[in-house]
C-alpha atoms as a PDB file:
ATOM      1  CA  UNK A   1      89.294 502.100 -70.484  1.00  0.00           C
ATOM      2  CA  UNK A   2      86.695 499.587 -69.182  1.00  0.00           C
ATOM      3  CA  UNK A   3      85.985 498.276 -66.030  1.00  0.00           C
ATOM      4  CA  UNK A   4      85.477 495.289 -64.509  1.00  0.00           C
ATOM      5  CA  UNK A   5      82.273 495.375 -64.360  1.00  0.00           C
ATOM      6  CA  UNK A   6      80.928 497.175 -67.170  1.00  0.00           C
ATOM      7  CA  UNK A   7      82.806 494.974 -69.121  1.00  0.00           C
ATOM      8  CA  UNK A   8      80.848 491.837 -66.387  1.00  0.00           C
ATOM      9  CA  UNK A   9      77.537 494.081 -67.861  1.00  0.00           C
ATOM     10  CA  UNK A  10      78.076 493.730 -71.442  1.00  0.00           C
ATOM     11  CA  UNK A  11      79.235 490.319 -71.289  1.00  0.00           C
ATOM     12  CA  UNK A  12      76.062 489.404 -69.289  1.00  0.00           C
ATOM     13  CA  UNK A  13      73.276 490.862 -71.214  1.00  0.00           C
ATOM     14  CA  UNK A  14      75.917 489.550 -74.246  1.00  0.00           C
ATOM     15  CA  UNK A  15      75.192 486.315 -73.071  1.00  0.00           C
ATOM     16  CA  UNK A  16      71.313 487.013 -72.025  1.00  0.00           C
ATOM     17  CA  UNK A  17      70.209 488.344 -75.736  1.00  0.00           C
ATOM     18  CA  UNK A  18      72.656 484.923 -77.828  1.00  0.00           C
ATOM     19  CA  UNK A  19      71.571 482.470 -75.064  1.00  0.00           C
ATOM     20  CA  UNK A  20      67.969 483.618 -76.704  1.00  0.00           C
ATOM     21  CA  UNK A  21      68.246 483.377 -80.083  1.00  0.00           C
ATOM     22  CA  UNK A  22      69.269 479.547 -79.038  1.00  0.00           C
ATOM     23  CA  UNK A  23      66.227 479.387 -76.926  1.00  0.00           C
ATOM     24  CA  UNK A  24      63.223 481.126 -79.559  1.00  0.00           C
ATOM     25  CA  UNK A  25      65.253 479.774 -82.924  1.00  0.00           C
ATOM     26  CA  UNK A  26      65.107 475.181 -81.818  1.00  0.00           C
ATOM     27  CA  UNK A  27      67.264 472.730 -83.746  1.00  0.00           C
ATOM     28  CA  UNK A  28      64.500 471.966 -85.416  1.00  0.00           C
ATOM     29  CA  UNK A  29      63.963 474.826 -86.766  1.00  0.00           C
ATOM     30  CA  UNK A  30      67.366 475.025 -88.217  1.00  0.00           C
ATOM     31  CA  UNK A  31      66.671 472.192 -89.361  1.00  0.00           C
ATOM     32  CA  UNK A  32      63.644 472.428 -91.482  1.00  0.00           C
ATOM     33  CA  UNK A  33      64.756 475.871 -92.029  1.00  0.00           C
ATOM     34  CA  UNK A  34      67.577 474.361 -94.219  1.00  0.00           C
ATOM     35  CA  UNK A  35      71.865 476.723 -94.615  1.00  0.00           C
ATOM     36  CA  UNK A  36      70.932 479.939 -94.238  1.00  0.00           C
ATOM     37  CA  UNK A  37      69.259 478.911 -90.209  1.00  0.00           C
ATOM     38  CA  UNK A  38      72.375 475.742 -89.311  1.00  0.00           C
ATOM     39  CA  UNK A  39      75.068 479.419 -91.086  1.00  0.00           C
ATOM     40  CA  UNK A  40      73.640 481.874 -88.857  1.00  0.00           C
ATOM     41  CA  UNK A  41      72.856 479.440 -86.005  1.00  0.00           C
ATOM     42  CA  UNK A  42      77.449 477.798 -85.756  1.00  0.00           C
ATOM     43  CA  UNK A  43      77.820 482.137 -86.730  1.00  0.00           C
ATOM     44  CA  UNK A  44      75.667 483.125 -83.591  1.00  0.00           C
ATOM     45  CA  UNK A  45      77.990 480.489 -81.502  1.00  0.00           C
ATOM     46  CA  UNK A  46      81.016 481.167 -82.613  1.00  0.00           C
ATOM     47  CA  UNK A  47      79.688 485.014 -81.226  1.00  0.00           C
ATOM     48  CA  UNK A  48      78.372 483.173 -78.214  1.00  0.00           C
ATOM     49  CA  UNK A  49      81.618 480.866 -77.446  1.00  0.00           C
ATOM     50  CA  UNK A  50      83.614 484.500 -77.984  1.00  0.00           C
ATOM     51  CA  UNK A  51      81.884 485.754 -75.002  1.00  0.00           C
ATOM     52  CA  UNK A  52      81.936 482.405 -72.828  1.00  0.00           C
ATOM     53  CA  UNK A  53      86.130 482.273 -73.365  1.00  0.00           C
ATOM     54  CA  UNK A  54      86.527 486.111 -72.389  1.00  0.00           C
ATOM     55  CA  UNK A  55      83.915 485.366 -69.325  1.00  0.00           C
ATOM     56  CA  UNK A  56      85.596 482.693 -68.037  1.00  0.00           C
ATOM     57  CA  UNK A  57      89.241 484.136 -68.615  1.00  0.00           C
ATOM     58  CA  UNK A  58      88.284 486.390 -66.363  1.00  0.00           C
ATOM     59  CA  UNK A  59      86.727 484.221 -63.988  1.00  0.00           C
ATOM     60  CA  UNK A  60      89.980 482.375 -63.820  1.00  0.00           C
ATOM     61  CA  UNK A  61      91.888 484.859 -63.166  1.00  0.00           C
ATOM     62  CA  UNK A  62      89.732 487.645 -61.163  1.00  0.00           C
ATOM     63  CA  UNK A  63      87.441 485.122 -59.471  1.00  0.00           C
ATOM     64  CA  UNK A  64      83.491 485.452 -58.682  1.00  0.00           C
ATOM     65  CA  UNK A  65      83.083 489.748 -59.693  1.00  0.00           C
ATOM     66  CA  UNK A  66      80.767 490.031 -57.039  1.00  0.00           C
ATOM     67  CA  UNK A  67      79.630 488.646 -53.758  1.00  0.00           C
ATOM     68  CA  UNK A  68      76.765 486.815 -51.973  1.00  0.00           C
ATOM     69  CA  UNK A  69      75.467 490.357 -49.330  1.00  0.00           C
ATOM     70  CA  UNK A  70      74.651 491.281 -46.889  1.00  0.00           C
ATOM     71  CA  UNK A  71      71.206 490.477 -46.574  1.00  0.00           C
ATOM     72  CA  UNK A  72      71.586 486.848 -47.725  1.00  0.00           C
ATOM     73  CA  UNK A  73      70.493 484.121 -45.279  1.00  0.00           C
ATOM     74  CA  UNK A  74      73.696 481.600 -45.301  1.00  0.00           C
ATOM     75  CA  UNK A  75      71.773 479.317 -47.560  1.00  0.00           C
ATOM     76  CA  UNK A  76      71.662 482.443 -49.810  1.00  0.00           C
ATOM     77  CA  UNK A  77      75.132 483.282 -49.685  1.00  0.00           C
ATOM     78  CA  UNK A  78      76.298 479.573 -50.313  1.00  0.00           C
ATOM     79  CA  UNK A  79      73.398 479.215 -52.806  1.00  0.00           C
ATOM     80  CA  UNK A  80      74.406 483.095 -54.324  1.00  0.00           C
ATOM     81  CA  UNK A  81      78.732 481.115 -54.757  1.00  0.00           C
ATOM     82  CA  UNK A  82      77.023 477.997 -55.993  1.00  0.00           C
ATOM     83  CA  UNK A  83      75.142 479.461 -58.938  1.00  0.00           C
ATOM     84  CA  UNK A  84      77.386 481.944 -60.856  1.00  0.00           C
ATOM     85  CA  UNK A  85      80.168 479.566 -60.655  1.00  0.00           C
ATOM     86  CA  UNK A  86      78.204 476.742 -62.541  1.00  0.00           C
ATOM     87  CA  UNK A  87      76.859 479.627 -64.587  1.00  0.00           C
ATOM     88  CA  UNK A  88      80.526 480.115 -65.530  1.00  0.00           C
ATOM     89  CA  UNK A  89      81.144 476.537 -65.812  1.00  0.00           C
ATOM     90  CA  UNK A  90      78.237 475.175 -67.965  1.00  0.00           C
ATOM     91  CA  UNK A  91      78.649 478.535 -70.979  1.00  0.00           C
ATOM     92  CA  UNK A  92      82.012 477.365 -71.677  1.00  0.00           C
ATOM     93  CA  UNK A  93      80.572 473.758 -71.825  1.00  0.00           C
ATOM     94  CA  UNK A  94      77.192 474.347 -73.347  1.00  0.00           C
ATOM     95  CA  UNK A  95      79.359 476.029 -75.935  1.00  0.00           C
ATOM     96  CA  UNK A  96      82.304 473.134 -76.154  1.00  0.00           C
ATOM     97  CA  UNK A  97      79.082 470.938 -76.787  1.00  0.00           C
ATOM     98  CA  UNK A  98      77.535 472.924 -79.939  1.00  0.00           C
ATOM     99  CA  UNK A  99      81.199 473.091 -81.505  1.00  0.00           C
ATOM    100  CA  UNK A 100      81.715 468.824 -80.450  1.00  0.00           C
ATOM    101  CA  UNK A 101      78.319 468.599 -82.793  1.00  0.00           C
ATOM    102  CA  UNK A 102      79.627 470.416 -85.220  1.00  0.00           C
ATOM    103  CA  UNK A 103      82.726 469.179 -85.763  1.00  0.00           C
ATOM    104  CA  UNK A 104      80.560 465.798 -85.850  1.00  0.00           C
ATOM    105  CA  UNK A 105      78.220 466.505 -88.391  1.00  0.00           C
ATOM    106  CA  UNK A 106      78.615 465.498 -92.272  1.00  0.00           C
ATOM    107  CA  UNK A 107      79.336 467.864 -94.001  1.00  0.00           C
ATOM    108  CA  UNK A 108      80.542 471.430 -93.824  1.00  0.00           C
ATOM    109  CA  UNK A 109      79.620 474.292 -91.626  1.00  0.00           C
ATOM    110  CA  UNK A 110      80.273 477.832 -92.697  1.00  0.00           C
ATOM    111  CA  UNK A 111      79.974 480.030 -90.115  1.00  0.00           C
ATOM    112  CA  UNK A 112      77.316 483.715 -91.395  1.00  0.00           C
ATOM    113  CA  UNK A 113      77.726 481.937 -94.386  1.00  0.00           C
ATOM    114  CA  UNK A 114      81.014 482.351 -94.004  1.00  0.00           C
ATOM    115  CA  UNK A 115      83.400 481.116 -92.427  1.00  0.00           C
ATOM    116  CA  UNK A 116      83.935 476.951 -92.656  1.00  0.00           C
ATOM    117  CA  UNK A 117      84.190 475.914 -88.641  1.00  0.00           C
ATOM    118  CA  UNK A 118      84.161 472.246 -89.806  1.00  0.00           C
ATOM    119  CA  UNK A 119      85.410 469.889 -92.875  1.00  0.00           C
ATOM    120  CA  UNK A 120      82.052 467.498 -92.963  1.00  0.00           C
ATOM    121  CA  UNK A 121      84.374 464.286 -91.071  1.00  0.00           C
ATOM    122  CA  UNK A 122      82.082 463.136 -89.242  1.00  0.00           C
ATOM    123  CA  UNK A 123      79.731 460.680 -89.519  1.00  0.00           C
ATOM    124  CA  UNK A 124      75.367 461.151 -89.139  1.00  0.00           C
ATOM    125  CA  UNK A 125      75.692 459.225 -86.270  1.00  0.00           C
ATOM    126  CA  UNK A 126      78.322 460.679 -83.890  1.00  0.00           C
ATOM    127  CA  UNK A 127      76.814 464.194 -84.949  1.00  0.00           C
ATOM    128  CA  UNK A 128      73.476 463.089 -83.807  1.00  0.00           C
ATOM    129  CA  UNK A 129      75.027 461.807 -80.622  1.00  0.00           C
ATOM    130  CA  UNK A 130      76.950 464.643 -79.930  1.00  0.00           C
ATOM    131  CA  UNK A 131      73.568 467.516 -81.370  1.00  0.00           C
ATOM    132  CA  UNK A 132      72.205 465.548 -78.773  1.00  0.00           C
ATOM    133  CA  UNK A 133      74.677 465.874 -75.372  1.00  0.00           C
ATOM    134  CA  UNK A 134      74.233 469.786 -76.368  1.00  0.00           C
ATOM    135  CA  UNK A 135      71.342 470.048 -76.613  1.00  0.00           C
ATOM    136  CA  UNK A 136      71.104 468.730 -72.681  1.00  0.00           C
ATOM    137  CA  UNK A 137      73.812 471.077 -72.255  1.00  0.00           C
ATOM    138  CA  UNK A 138      71.178 473.812 -73.314  1.00  0.00           C
ATOM    139  CA  UNK A 139      68.348 472.917 -71.746  1.00  0.00           C
ATOM    140  CA  UNK A 140      70.782 472.640 -68.102  1.00  0.00           C
ATOM    141  CA  UNK A 141      71.723 476.040 -68.264  1.00  0.00           C
ATOM    142  CA  UNK A 142      68.786 477.110 -68.578  1.00  0.00           C
ATOM    143  CA  UNK A 143      67.341 475.626 -65.806  1.00  0.00           C
ATOM    144  CA  UNK A 144      71.063 476.996 -63.999  1.00  0.00           C
ATOM    145  CA  UNK A 145      69.699 480.792 -65.664  1.00  0.00           C
ATOM    146  CA  UNK A 146      66.205 480.686 -64.222  1.00  0.00           C
ATOM    147  CA  UNK A 147      67.061 479.700 -60.501  1.00  0.00           C
ATOM    148  CA  UNK A 148      69.864 482.663 -60.957  1.00  0.00           C
ATOM    149  CA  UNK A 149      67.487 485.063 -61.977  1.00  0.00           C
ATOM    150  CA  UNK A 150      64.621 483.967 -59.304  1.00  0.00           C
ATOM    151  CA  UNK A 151      67.195 484.869 -57.188  1.00  0.00           C
ATOM    152  CA  UNK A 152      67.726 488.098 -57.678  1.00  0.00           C
ATOM    153  CA  UNK A 153      64.288 488.718 -58.283  1.00  0.00           C
ATOM    154  CA  UNK A 154      63.683 487.290 -55.261  1.00  0.00           C
ATOM    155  CA  UNK A 155      66.211 488.908 -53.501  1.00  0.00           C
ATOM    156  CA  UNK A 156      65.313 492.377 -54.897  1.00  0.00           C
ATOM    157  CA  UNK A 157      62.010 492.130 -54.345  1.00  0.00           C
ATOM    158  CA  UNK A 158      61.891 490.292 -50.795  1.00  0.00           C
ATOM    159  CA  UNK A 159      64.839 491.944 -49.220  1.00  0.00           C
ATOM    160  CA  UNK A 160      65.034 495.230 -51.169  1.00  0.00           C
ATOM    161  CA  UNK A 161      68.722 495.088 -51.827  1.00  0.00           C
ATOM    162  CA  UNK A 162      68.499 495.898 -54.918  1.00  0.00           C
ATOM    163  CA  UNK A 163      69.710 492.856 -56.191  1.00  0.00           C
ATOM    164  CA  UNK A 164      68.713 493.717 -60.400  1.00  0.00           C
ATOM    165  CA  UNK A 165      70.904 497.098 -59.923  1.00  0.00           C
ATOM    166  CA  UNK A 166      73.765 495.058 -59.559  1.00  0.00           C
ATOM    167  CA  UNK A 167      73.575 493.857 -63.244  1.00  0.00           C
ATOM    168  CA  UNK A 168      70.924 496.504 -65.211  1.00  0.00           C
ATOM    169  CA  UNK A 169      71.890 499.950 -66.961  1.00  0.00           C
ATOM    170  CA  UNK A 170      72.791 502.422 -65.346  1.00  0.00           C
ATOM    171  CA  UNK A 171      68.917 504.578 -67.493  1.00  0.00           C
ATOM    172  CA  UNK A 172      66.644 501.296 -66.026  1.00  0.00           C
ATOM    173  CA  UNK A 173      67.451 501.924 -62.175  1.00  0.00           C
ATOM    174  CA  UNK A 174      64.320 503.786 -61.993  1.00  0.00           C
ATOM    175  CA  UNK A 175      62.080 501.483 -63.126  1.00  0.00           C
ATOM    176  CA  UNK A 176      63.555 498.799 -60.387  1.00  0.00           C
END
């Protein structure tokens, strides 16, 4: 049976790579590359939706997976809790806005070109509004992810509390 810590590490890194995909493949690229790119974008979005659902379910059932750590100053302990909670809710919210953008589309969208996930019943104006909302949610999530990453790098380097080892695979510990 997988431990909670192992599950969280898998979800963490899977989310990181899926979000990196969305960062590298922007909506403009999807529009330029056509139906195949949209099918891939929506398919990867469905995978991220499953990851977000597992992660938020675990959080709602058991709370935060880790504690702030004894070396953190007061502001750091507060920031730790806030940024992690924002990520726990921000990821599913961003996925949800993407789903709404898909549902608002005036055309059928098939995840990975196979699984129909929308019916094409939306309108162009509604779809454009939902896309804007999704892009704003994604940009906000990226800002929180950057703050989260910078915070943990600061902890690891400045406080020397091995914060990066907590989420890094064991094979990488010797480099940290």
